Each structure stands twice: as C-alpha cells, then as structure tokens.
C-alpha atoms as a PDB file:
ATOM      1  CA  GLN A   1       0.370  -0.113   0.068  1.00  0.00           C
ATOM      2  CA  VAL A   2       1.179   3.435  -0.907  1.00  0.00           C
ATOM      3  CA  GLN A   3       1.362   6.108   1.683  1.00  0.00           C
ATOM      4  CA  LEU A   4       2.587   9.915   1.178  1.00  0.00           C
ATOM      5  CA  VAL A   5       2.325  11.456   5.011  1.00  0.00           C
ATOM      6  CA  GLU A   6       3.203  15.294   4.583  1.00  0.00           C
ATOM      7  CA  SER A   7       4.502  16.682   7.568  1.00  0.00           C
ATOM      8  CA  GLY A   8       6.032  20.293   8.906  1.00  0.00           C
ATOM      9  CA  GLY A   9       2.798  22.539   8.509  1.00  0.00           C
ATOM     10  CA  GLY A  10       1.999  25.135  10.706  1.00  0.00           C
ATOM     11  CA  LEU A  11       1.166  29.201  11.253  1.00  0.00           C
ATOM     12  CA  VAL A  12       3.807  31.294  10.057  1.00  0.00           C
ATOM     13  CA  GLN A  13       3.724  35.259   9.794  1.00  0.00           C
ATOM     14  CA  ALA A  14       4.120  36.413   6.076  1.00  0.00           C
ATOM     15  CA  GLY A  15       8.011  36.584   5.273  1.00  0.00           C
ATOM     16  CA  ASP A  16       8.592  33.939   7.487  1.00  0.00           C
ATOM     17  CA  SER A  17       9.852  30.168   5.789  1.00  0.00           C
ATOM     18  CA  LEU A  18       8.592  26.943   6.112  1.00  0.00           C
ATOM     19  CA  ARG A  19       9.456  23.656   4.943  1.00  0.00           C
ATOM     20  CA  LEU A  20       7.361  20.397   4.407  1.00  0.00           C
ATOM     21  CA  SER A  21       8.099  17.257   4.056  1.00  0.00           C
ATOM     22  CA  CYS A  22       6.852  14.135   2.431  1.00  0.00           C
ATOM     23  CA  ALA A  23       7.880  10.706   3.625  1.00  0.00           C
ATOM     24  CA  ALA A  24       7.033   7.699   1.004  1.00  0.00           C
ATOM     25  CA  SER A  25       6.193   4.116   1.657  1.00  0.00           C
ATOM     26  CA  GLY A  26       4.664   1.271  -0.065  1.00  0.00           C
ATOM     27  CA  ARG A  27       7.338   1.501  -3.130  1.00  0.00           C
ATOM     28  CA  THR A  28      10.178   2.989  -4.351  1.00  0.00           C
ATOM     29  CA  PHE A  29       9.482   6.654  -5.713  1.00  0.00           C
ATOM     30  CA  SER A  30      13.289   7.112  -6.844  1.00  0.00           C
ATOM     31  CA  ARG A  31      11.889   6.692 -10.671  1.00  0.00           C
ATOM     32  CA  SER A  32       8.818   8.762 -10.250  1.00  0.00           C
ATOM     33  CA  SER A  33       8.236  12.641 -10.466  1.00  0.00           C
ATOM     34  CA  MET A  34       6.749  13.752  -6.903  1.00  0.00           C
ATOM     35  CA  GLY A  35       5.299  17.350  -6.682  1.00  0.00           C
ATOM     36  CA  TRP A  36       3.153  19.402  -4.188  1.00  0.00           C
ATOM     37  CA  PHE A  37      -0.695  20.512  -5.087  1.00  0.00           C
ATOM     38  CA  ARG A  38      -2.382  23.094  -2.204  1.00  0.00           C
ATOM     39  CA  GLN A  39      -6.123  23.138  -1.795  1.00  0.00           C
ATOM     40  CA  VAL A  40      -8.535  26.503  -0.136  1.00  0.00           C
ATOM     41  CA  LEU A  41     -11.348  25.144   1.237  1.00  0.00           C
ATOM     42  CA  GLY A  42     -14.216  25.928  -1.671  1.00  0.00           C
ATOM     43  CA  LYS A  43     -11.600  26.396  -4.283  1.00  0.00           C
ATOM     44  CA  GLU A  44      -9.789  24.031  -6.741  1.00  0.00           C
ATOM     45  CA  ARG A  45      -6.681  21.940  -6.013  1.00  0.00           C
ATOM     46  CA  GLU A  46      -3.918  24.288  -7.481  1.00  0.00           C
ATOM     47  CA  PHE A  47      -0.814  22.707  -8.838  1.00  0.00           C
ATOM     48  CA  VAL A  48       2.788  24.092  -6.876  1.00  0.00           C
ATOM     49  CA  GLY A  49       5.471  22.157  -8.039  1.00  0.00           C
ATOM     50  CA  VAL A  50       6.952  19.287  -9.582  1.00  0.00           C
ATOM     51  CA  ILE A  51      10.518  17.507  -9.633  1.00  0.00           C
ATOM     52  CA  SER A  52      11.715  14.910 -12.093  1.00  0.00           C
ATOM     53  CA  TRP A  53      12.601  11.269 -10.792  1.00  0.00           C
ATOM     54  CA  PHE A  54      16.204  12.234 -11.379  1.00  0.00           C
ATOM     55  CA  GLY A  55      15.723  15.108  -9.600  1.00  0.00           C
ATOM     56  CA  ASP A  56      17.527  17.549 -12.541  1.00  0.00           C
ATOM     57  CA  SER A  57      14.291  19.463 -13.509  1.00  0.00           C
ATOM     58  CA  THR A  58      11.769  21.132 -11.588  1.00  0.00           C
ATOM     59  CA  ASN A  59       8.732  23.209 -12.437  1.00  0.00           C
ATOM     60  CA  TYR A  60       6.603  25.367 -10.441  1.00  0.00           C
ATOM     61  CA  ALA A  61       3.454  27.380 -10.468  1.00  0.00           C
ATOM     62  CA  ASP A  62       4.417  31.180 -11.610  1.00  0.00           C
ATOM     63  CA  SER A  63       2.512  32.179  -7.880  1.00  0.00           C
ATOM     64  CA  VAL A  64       5.131  30.029  -6.123  1.00  0.00           C
ATOM     65  CA  LYS A  65       8.032  30.693  -8.780  1.00  0.00           C
ATOM     66  CA  GLY A  66      11.645  32.103  -6.991  1.00  0.00           C
ATOM     67  CA  ARG A  67      10.246  31.567  -3.313  1.00  0.00           C
ATOM     68  CA  PHE A  68       9.257  27.970  -3.490  1.00  0.00           C
ATOM     69  CA  THR A  69      11.852  24.803  -3.835  1.00  0.00           C
ATOM     70  CA  ILE A  70      10.886  21.198  -4.208  1.00  0.00           C
ATOM     71  CA  SER A  71      14.032  18.885  -3.753  1.00  0.00           C
ATOM     72  CA  ARG A  72      14.114  15.168  -2.793  1.00  0.00           C
ATOM     73  CA  ASP A  73      16.425  12.606  -1.019  1.00  0.00           C
ATOM     74  CA  ASP A  74      15.983   9.051  -2.637  1.00  0.00           C
ATOM     75  CA  ALA A  75      18.153   7.278  -0.211  1.00  0.00           C
ATOM     76  CA  LYS A  76      15.382   8.101   2.351  1.00  0.00           C
ATOM     77  CA  ASN A  77      12.324   8.178   0.120  1.00  0.00           C
ATOM     78  CA  MET A  78      11.489  12.038   1.205  1.00  0.00           C
ATOM     79  CA  VAL A  79      10.522  15.210  -0.870  1.00  0.00           C
ATOM     80  CA  TYR A  80      10.762  18.400   0.578  1.00  0.00           C
ATOM     81  CA  LEU A  81       9.076  22.055  -0.201  1.00  0.00           C
ATOM     82  CA  GLN A  82      10.916  24.717   0.951  1.00  0.00           C
ATOM     83  CA  MET A  83       8.909  28.061   1.377  1.00  0.00           C
ATOM     84  CA  ASN A  84      10.339  31.693   1.330  1.00  0.00           C
ATOM     85  CA  SER A  85       8.710  34.578   1.908  1.00  0.00           C
ATOM     86  CA  LEU A  86       5.623  33.408   2.433  1.00  0.00           C
ATOM     87  CA  LYS A  87       2.559  35.735   1.513  1.00  0.00           C
ATOM     88  CA  PRO A  88      -0.985  35.127   3.585  1.00  0.00           C
ATOM     89  CA  GLU A  89      -2.518  34.149  -0.246  1.00  0.00           C
ATOM     90  CA  ASP A  90      -0.127  30.940   0.383  1.00  0.00           C
ATOM     91  CA  THR A  91      -2.240  29.620   3.046  1.00  0.00           C
ATOM     92  CA  ALA A  92      -4.124  26.376   2.045  1.00  0.00           C
ATOM     93  CA  VAL A  93      -3.954  22.712   2.454  1.00  0.00           C
ATOM     94  CA  TYR A  94      -0.563  21.491   0.842  1.00  0.00           C
ATOM     95  CA  TYR A  95      -0.418  17.854  -0.640  1.00  0.00           C
ATOM     96  CA  CYS A  96       2.283  15.859  -1.208  1.00  0.00           C
ATOM     97  CA  ALA A  97       1.824  13.861  -4.656  1.00  0.00           C
ATOM     98  CA  GLY A  98       3.725  10.782  -7.025  1.00  0.00           C
ATOM     99  CA  ASP A  99       3.764   9.947 -10.251  1.00  0.00           C
ATOM    100  CA  LEU A 100       2.764  13.250 -11.441  1.00  0.00           C
ATOM    101  CA  SER A 101       1.536  13.294 -15.083  1.00  0.00           C
ATOM    102  CA  ARG A 102       0.752  16.395 -17.204  1.00  0.00           C
ATOM    103  CA  THR A 103      -1.786  17.072 -19.623  1.00  0.00           C
ATOM    104  CA  GLY A 104      -1.343  20.664 -21.198  1.00  0.00           C
ATOM    105  CA  SER A 105      -0.647  22.834 -18.834  1.00  0.00           C
ATOM    106  CA  LYS A 106      -2.224  21.187 -16.200  1.00  0.00           C
ATOM    107  CA  TYR A 107      -1.125  18.577 -14.051  1.00  0.00           C
ATOM    108  CA  ASP A 108      -2.779  15.345 -11.747  1.00  0.00           C
ATOM    109  CA  ALA A 109      -0.893  12.759 -10.284  1.00  0.00           C
ATOM    110  CA  THR A 110      -1.463   9.049  -9.364  1.00  0.00           C
ATOM    111  CA  TYR A 111      -0.613   9.162  -5.481  1.00  0.00           C
ATOM    112  CA  TRP A 112      -1.656  11.394  -2.853  1.00  0.00           C
ATOM    113  CA  GLY A 113      -0.814  12.330   0.630  1.00  0.00           C
ATOM    114  CA  GLN A 114      -3.721  13.301   3.201  1.00  0.00           C
ATOM    115  CA  GLY A 115      -2.417  17.152   3.525  1.00  0.00           C
ATOM    116  CA  THR A 116      -0.847  19.348   5.674  1.00  0.00           C
ATOM    117  CA  GLN A 117      -2.370  23.109   7.046  1.00  0.00           C
ATOM    118  CA  VAL A 118       0.115  26.448   6.201  1.00  0.00           C
ATOM    119  CA  THR A 119      -1.820  29.037   7.516  1.00  0.00           C
ATOM    120  CA  VAL A 120       0.237  32.655   6.682  1.00  0.00           C
ATOM    121  CA  SER A 121      -0.958  35.410   8.729  1.00  0.00           C
ATOM    122  CA  SER A 122      -0.408  39.069   7.924  1.00  0.00           C
END
C-alpha cells in the first residue's frame, strides 16, 4: 500500500519560511516524479511544483516561482518543499503527490498524501 505522509505545516507570519516534508512508503519513488499541490477550502486544487524522478528538473507555478523550492532525497524516500517569503495567499492545505502527469498545462497525480495545513498571517 502506497503512503505519502506530509509534515511541517503550521502557522507562520508573512515573510517567514517553512519547510514541508513528505515521507513515501509502500514502494520506491526514486523513478517517479514527485510534487506538491495546494487547496483552499471551496476552491480547486492548485499545482505548486514538480521534481523529476532524477531530480534534475523542476517546474513551479508562477505564483510560487522564486520563493518555493522542491527537493528530494531518494535514499530516504523523502520529498521536501522549502517555502520562503510566505504570503497570506499561500495559506492552504498542501498535498504531496507521486507519479505526476501533465496534460497541456494541467498536472495530476496518481498518489496523494492526506495534506498538511499551512496558514500565513499578515
């Protein structure tokens, strides 16, 4: 059974940094793209970023580009999302995702974590 478990969410102030972690188990994701999405209650889930299975390529939503960084440690089956210069509009539930696919400009994933809340106060 595949499991993705996020941690590291919390309440921070605008301008602060936060690092989310995602622990993968149940299979090896070393040859899978991994990524992060976020969702605000009542709104559609939003793509945040993706890292290739080899870790040599990343892609980010324009809204987080230059502030967020995805990295991975395949030896530990971990994926990270470093979030800097946080803004109130970054407030959302953040989901780790595995085996991402892209159709046009839209990303989707096969595996999902349960989510972790990030709240940024102004």
